[in-house]
Amino acid sequence: MYWRIARGALISAEWLWTAALFAAVYVASRAHGGVAGAFASVDYAAASFLCHQRPERSFHLWGAQLPVCARCAGLYVGAAIAALFPIRARLRRAGLWLFVAVAPAVVTLIYEWTTGVTPSNWIRAATGAIAGVAVMIVLLGELRDE
């Protein structure tokens, strides 16, 4: 029974965080104070512990920068989408799954370091989404009834 509570908490936390990222950018583009402005400030501050938040590597919506970079945004959106699907079986070789899922992000990072050319934000978001889906699948697979 505890696995259902843990699973629900994980899914809820993922969806709340992802929604908060998009809500914060919306609020930041419109409010400049009050409770709404404080919410956006807290969300951007919390995201700064997780992401570099470089403007050139971030999506901009409604004229404001998302609280996380494109790769992190892809990671969170991918994990949120994967959380929608009821995955119950434990994966064999979860480490290999995660290694393969993170490989595209590593390839873009190596490409950037060796050529000095930054891949587009959409490519960075896609590589993050692949990793996010894999991480959520592995986590949800581990949180199942024994």
C-alpha atoms as a PDB file:
ATOM      1  CA  MET A   1       0.000   0.000   0.000  1.00  0.00           C
ATOM      2  CA  TYR A   2       2.848   2.392   0.772  1.00  0.00           C
ATOM      3  CA  TRP A   3       4.129   2.058  -2.783  1.00  0.00           C
ATOM      4  CA  ARG A   4       0.862   3.605  -4.044  1.00  0.00           C
ATOM      5  CA  ILE A   5       1.287   6.581  -1.735  1.00  0.00           C
ATOM      6  CA  ALA A   6       4.927   7.013  -2.774  1.00  0.00           C
ATOM      7  CA  ARG A   7       3.992   6.680  -6.432  1.00  0.00           C
ATOM      8  CA  GLY A   8       1.209   9.246  -6.091  1.00  0.00           C
ATOM      9  CA  ALA A   9       3.518  11.623  -4.241  1.00  0.00           C
ATOM     10  CA  LEU A  10       6.205  11.312  -6.922  1.00  0.00           C
ATOM     11  CA  ILE A  11       3.746  11.926  -9.746  1.00  0.00           C
ATOM     12  CA  SER A  12       2.100  14.832  -7.924  1.00  0.00           C
ATOM     13  CA  ALA A  13       5.431  16.459  -7.086  1.00  0.00           C
ATOM     14  CA  GLU A  14       6.616  16.139 -10.698  1.00  0.00           C
ATOM     15  CA  TRP A  15       3.438  17.665 -12.107  1.00  0.00           C
ATOM     16  CA  LEU A  16       3.354  20.464  -9.535  1.00  0.00           C
ATOM     17  CA  TRP A  17       6.982  21.402 -10.205  1.00  0.00           C
ATOM     18  CA  THR A  18       6.540  21.364 -13.975  1.00  0.00           C
ATOM     19  CA  ALA A  19       3.351  23.425 -13.740  1.00  0.00           C
ATOM     20  CA  ALA A  20       5.062  25.853 -11.353  1.00  0.00           C
ATOM     21  CA  LEU A  21       7.849  26.460 -13.889  1.00  0.00           C
ATOM     22  CA  PHE A  22       5.377  27.516 -16.564  1.00  0.00           C
ATOM     23  CA  ALA A  23       3.199  29.434 -14.106  1.00  0.00           C
ATOM     24  CA  ALA A  24       6.244  31.341 -12.861  1.00  0.00           C
ATOM     25  CA  VAL A  25       7.246  32.503 -16.328  1.00  0.00           C
ATOM     26  CA  TYR A  26       3.670  33.597 -17.019  1.00  0.00           C
ATOM     27  CA  VAL A  27       3.480  35.491 -13.737  1.00  0.00           C
ATOM     28  CA  ALA A  28       6.958  36.986 -14.235  1.00  0.00           C
ATOM     29  CA  SER A  29       5.876  38.360 -17.592  1.00  0.00           C
ATOM     30  CA  ARG A  30       2.855  40.116 -16.083  1.00  0.00           C
ATOM     31  CA  ALA A  31       3.212  40.785 -12.351  1.00  0.00           C
ATOM     32  CA  HIS A  32       5.861  42.875 -10.680  1.00  0.00           C
ATOM     33  CA  GLY A  33       4.966  42.522  -7.042  1.00  0.00           C
ATOM     34  CA  GLY A  34       2.511  41.170  -4.567  1.00  0.00           C
ATOM     35  CA  VAL A  35       1.843  37.507  -3.940  1.00  0.00           C
ATOM     36  CA  ALA A  36       2.118  36.562  -7.612  1.00  0.00           C
ATOM     37  CA  GLY A  37       5.485  38.275  -7.962  1.00  0.00           C
ATOM     38  CA  ALA A  38       6.704  36.576  -4.783  1.00  0.00           C
ATOM     39  CA  PHE A  39       5.625  33.182  -6.168  1.00  0.00           C
ATOM     40  CA  ALA A  40       7.599  33.777  -9.360  1.00  0.00           C
ATOM     41  CA  SER A  41      10.655  34.950  -7.396  1.00  0.00           C
ATOM     42  CA  VAL A  42      10.601  31.862  -5.177  1.00  0.00           C
ATOM     43  CA  ASP A  43      10.225  29.567  -8.179  1.00  0.00           C
ATOM     44  CA  TYR A  44      13.124  31.203 -10.042  1.00  0.00           C
ATOM     45  CA  ALA A  45      15.262  31.036  -6.876  1.00  0.00           C
ATOM     46  CA  ALA A  46      14.456  27.354  -6.308  1.00  0.00           C
ATOM     47  CA  ALA A  47      15.242  26.568  -9.950  1.00  0.00           C
ATOM     48  CA  SER A  48      18.603  28.328  -9.612  1.00  0.00           C
ATOM     49  CA  PHE A  49      19.751  25.512  -7.321  1.00  0.00           C
ATOM     50  CA  LEU A  50      19.017  22.996 -10.096  1.00  0.00           C
ATOM     51  CA  CYS A  51      19.950  24.843 -13.276  1.00  0.00           C
ATOM     52  CA  HIS A  52      22.413  27.426 -14.609  1.00  0.00           C
ATOM     53  CA  GLN A  53      19.504  29.507 -16.043  1.00  0.00           C
ATOM     54  CA  ARG A  54      21.596  30.988 -18.861  1.00  0.00           C
ATOM     55  CA  PRO A  55      19.284  33.185 -20.981  1.00  0.00           C
ATOM     56  CA  GLU A  56      20.719  32.059 -24.321  1.00  0.00           C
ATOM     57  CA  ARG A  57      20.071  28.420 -23.400  1.00  0.00           C
ATOM     58  CA  SER A  58      16.544  28.977 -22.119  1.00  0.00           C
ATOM     59  CA  PHE A  59      13.155  29.252 -23.732  1.00  0.00           C
ATOM     60  CA  HIS A  60      11.336  32.555 -23.425  1.00  0.00           C
ATOM     61  CA  LEU A  61       7.569  32.617 -23.155  1.00  0.00           C
ATOM     62  CA  TRP A  62       5.361  35.703 -22.915  1.00  0.00           C
ATOM     63  CA  GLY A  63       8.521  37.795 -23.069  1.00  0.00           C
ATOM     64  CA  ALA A  64      10.099  36.216 -19.969  1.00  0.00           C
ATOM     65  CA  GLN A  65      12.757  33.550 -19.503  1.00  0.00           C
ATOM     66  CA  LEU A  66      11.694  30.139 -18.225  1.00  0.00           C
ATOM     67  CA  PRO A  67      13.159  29.466 -14.732  1.00  0.00           C
ATOM     68  CA  VAL A  68      15.222  26.569 -16.163  1.00  0.00           C
ATOM     69  CA  CYS A  69      17.243  26.038 -19.334  1.00  0.00           C
ATOM     70  CA  ALA A  70      15.873  24.203 -22.365  1.00  0.00           C
ATOM     71  CA  ARG A  71      17.461  20.869 -21.397  1.00  0.00           C
ATOM     72  CA  CYS A  72      16.039  21.022 -17.863  1.00  0.00           C
ATOM     73  CA  ALA A  73      12.635  22.060 -19.232  1.00  0.00           C
ATOM     74  CA  GLY A  74      12.715  19.022 -21.507  1.00  0.00           C
ATOM     75  CA  LEU A  75      13.717  16.825 -18.588  1.00  0.00           C
ATOM     76  CA  TYR A  76      10.785  17.976 -16.440  1.00  0.00           C
ATOM     77  CA  VAL A  77       8.221  17.899 -19.249  1.00  0.00           C
ATOM     78  CA  GLY A  78       9.410  14.436 -20.346  1.00  0.00           C
ATOM     79  CA  ALA A  79       9.142  13.117 -16.792  1.00  0.00           C
ATOM     80  CA  ALA A  80       5.675  14.645 -16.389  1.00  0.00           C
ATOM     81  CA  ILE A  81       4.473  13.016 -19.610  1.00  0.00           C
ATOM     82  CA  ALA A  82       5.934   9.639 -18.607  1.00  0.00           C
ATOM     83  CA  ALA A  83       4.152   9.933 -15.252  1.00  0.00           C
ATOM     84  CA  LEU A  84       0.823   9.809 -17.104  1.00  0.00           C
ATOM     85  CA  PHE A  85       1.363   6.217 -18.142  1.00  0.00           C
ATOM     86  CA  PRO A  86       0.838   3.388 -15.642  1.00  0.00           C
ATOM     87  CA  ILE A  87       4.161   1.602 -15.642  1.00  0.00           C
ATOM     88  CA  ARG A  88       4.157  -1.260 -13.180  1.00  0.00           C
ATOM     89  CA  ALA A  89       6.935  -3.649 -14.133  1.00  0.00           C
ATOM     90  CA  ARG A  90      10.462  -3.307 -12.869  1.00  0.00           C
ATOM     91  CA  LEU A  91      12.909  -2.818 -15.706  1.00  0.00           C
ATOM     92  CA  ARG A  92      15.761  -5.182 -16.152  1.00  0.00           C
ATOM     93  CA  ARG A  93      19.036  -3.374 -16.423  1.00  0.00           C
ATOM     94  CA  ALA A  94      17.647   0.003 -15.369  1.00  0.00           C
ATOM     95  CA  GLY A  95      21.172   1.413 -15.308  1.00  0.00           C
ATOM     96  CA  LEU A  96      21.641   0.554 -18.970  1.00  0.00           C
ATOM     97  CA  TRP A  97      18.277   2.150 -19.772  1.00  0.00           C
ATOM     98  CA  LEU A  98      19.328   5.353 -18.054  1.00  0.00           C
ATOM     99  CA  PHE A  99      22.765   5.327 -19.697  1.00  0.00           C
ATOM    100  CA  VAL A 100      21.204   5.022 -23.162  1.00  0.00           C
ATOM    101  CA  ALA A 101      18.629   7.723 -22.368  1.00  0.00           C
ATOM    102  CA  VAL A 102      21.241  10.212 -21.174  1.00  0.00           C
ATOM    103  CA  ALA A 103      23.594   9.490 -24.100  1.00  0.00           C
ATOM    104  CA  PRO A 104      21.976  12.025 -26.502  1.00  0.00           C
ATOM    105  CA  ALA A 105      22.443  14.816 -23.948  1.00  0.00           C
ATOM    106  CA  VAL A 106      26.066  13.782 -23.433  1.00  0.00           C
ATOM    107  CA  VAL A 107      26.638  13.715 -27.204  1.00  0.00           C
ATOM    108  CA  THR A 108      25.309  17.285 -27.563  1.00  0.00           C
ATOM    109  CA  LEU A 109      27.493  18.389 -24.665  1.00  0.00           C
ATOM    110  CA  ILE A 110      30.611  16.829 -26.221  1.00  0.00           C
ATOM    111  CA  TYR A 111      29.682  18.374 -29.575  1.00  0.00           C
ATOM    112  CA  GLU A 112      29.390  21.785 -27.940  1.00  0.00           C
ATOM    113  CA  TRP A 113      32.692  21.462 -26.095  1.00  0.00           C
ATOM    114  CA  THR A 114      34.619  20.270 -29.158  1.00  0.00           C
ATOM    115  CA  THR A 115      33.149  22.625 -31.764  1.00  0.00           C
ATOM    116  CA  GLY A 116      32.153  25.643 -29.701  1.00  0.00           C
ATOM    117  CA  VAL A 117      28.712  25.525 -31.339  1.00  0.00           C
ATOM    118  CA  THR A 118      25.721  25.352 -29.014  1.00  0.00           C
ATOM    119  CA  PRO A 119      22.906  23.097 -30.257  1.00  0.00           C
ATOM    120  CA  SER A 120      19.502  24.745 -30.549  1.00  0.00           C
ATOM    121  CA  ASN A 121      17.265  24.934 -27.519  1.00  0.00           C
ATOM    122  CA  TRP A 122      14.859  22.498 -29.181  1.00  0.00           C
ATOM    123  CA  ILE A 123      17.604  19.897 -29.561  1.00  0.00           C
ATOM    124  CA  ARG A 124      18.677  20.429 -25.962  1.00  0.00           C
ATOM    125  CA  ALA A 125      15.047  20.122 -24.792  1.00  0.00           C
ATOM    126  CA  ALA A 126      14.557  16.916 -26.789  1.00  0.00           C
ATOM    127  CA  THR A 127      17.642  15.300 -25.258  1.00  0.00           C
ATOM    128  CA  GLY A 128      16.423  16.348 -21.817  1.00  0.00           C
ATOM    129  CA  ALA A 129      12.957  14.931 -22.508  1.00  0.00           C
ATOM    130  CA  ILE A 130      14.425  11.543 -23.449  1.00  0.00           C
ATOM    131  CA  ALA A 131      16.313  11.451 -20.152  1.00  0.00           C
ATOM    132  CA  GLY A 132      13.261  12.653 -18.190  1.00  0.00           C
ATOM    133  CA  VAL A 133      11.037   9.937 -19.626  1.00  0.00           C
ATOM    134  CA  ALA A 134      13.603   7.258 -18.801  1.00  0.00           C
ATOM    135  CA  VAL A 135      14.173   8.464 -15.247  1.00  0.00           C
ATOM    136  CA  MET A 136      10.443   8.566 -14.516  1.00  0.00           C
ATOM    137  CA  ILE A 137       9.897   5.119 -16.020  1.00  0.00           C
ATOM    138  CA  VAL A 138      12.664   3.665 -13.867  1.00  0.00           C
ATOM    139  CA  LEU A 139      11.453   5.426 -10.704  1.00  0.00           C
ATOM    140  CA  LEU A 140       7.823   4.416 -11.202  1.00  0.00           C
ATOM    141  CA  GLY A 141       8.884   0.885 -12.065  1.00  0.00           C
ATOM    142  CA  GLU A 142      10.707   0.658  -8.761  1.00  0.00           C
ATOM    143  CA  LEU A 143       7.685   1.937  -6.838  1.00  0.00           C
ATOM    144  CA  ARG A 144       5.440  -1.069  -7.313  1.00  0.00           C
ATOM    145  CA  ASP A 145       3.774  -3.683  -5.183  1.00  0.00           C
ATOM    146  CA  GLU A 146       6.148  -6.477  -4.222  1.00  0.00           C
END
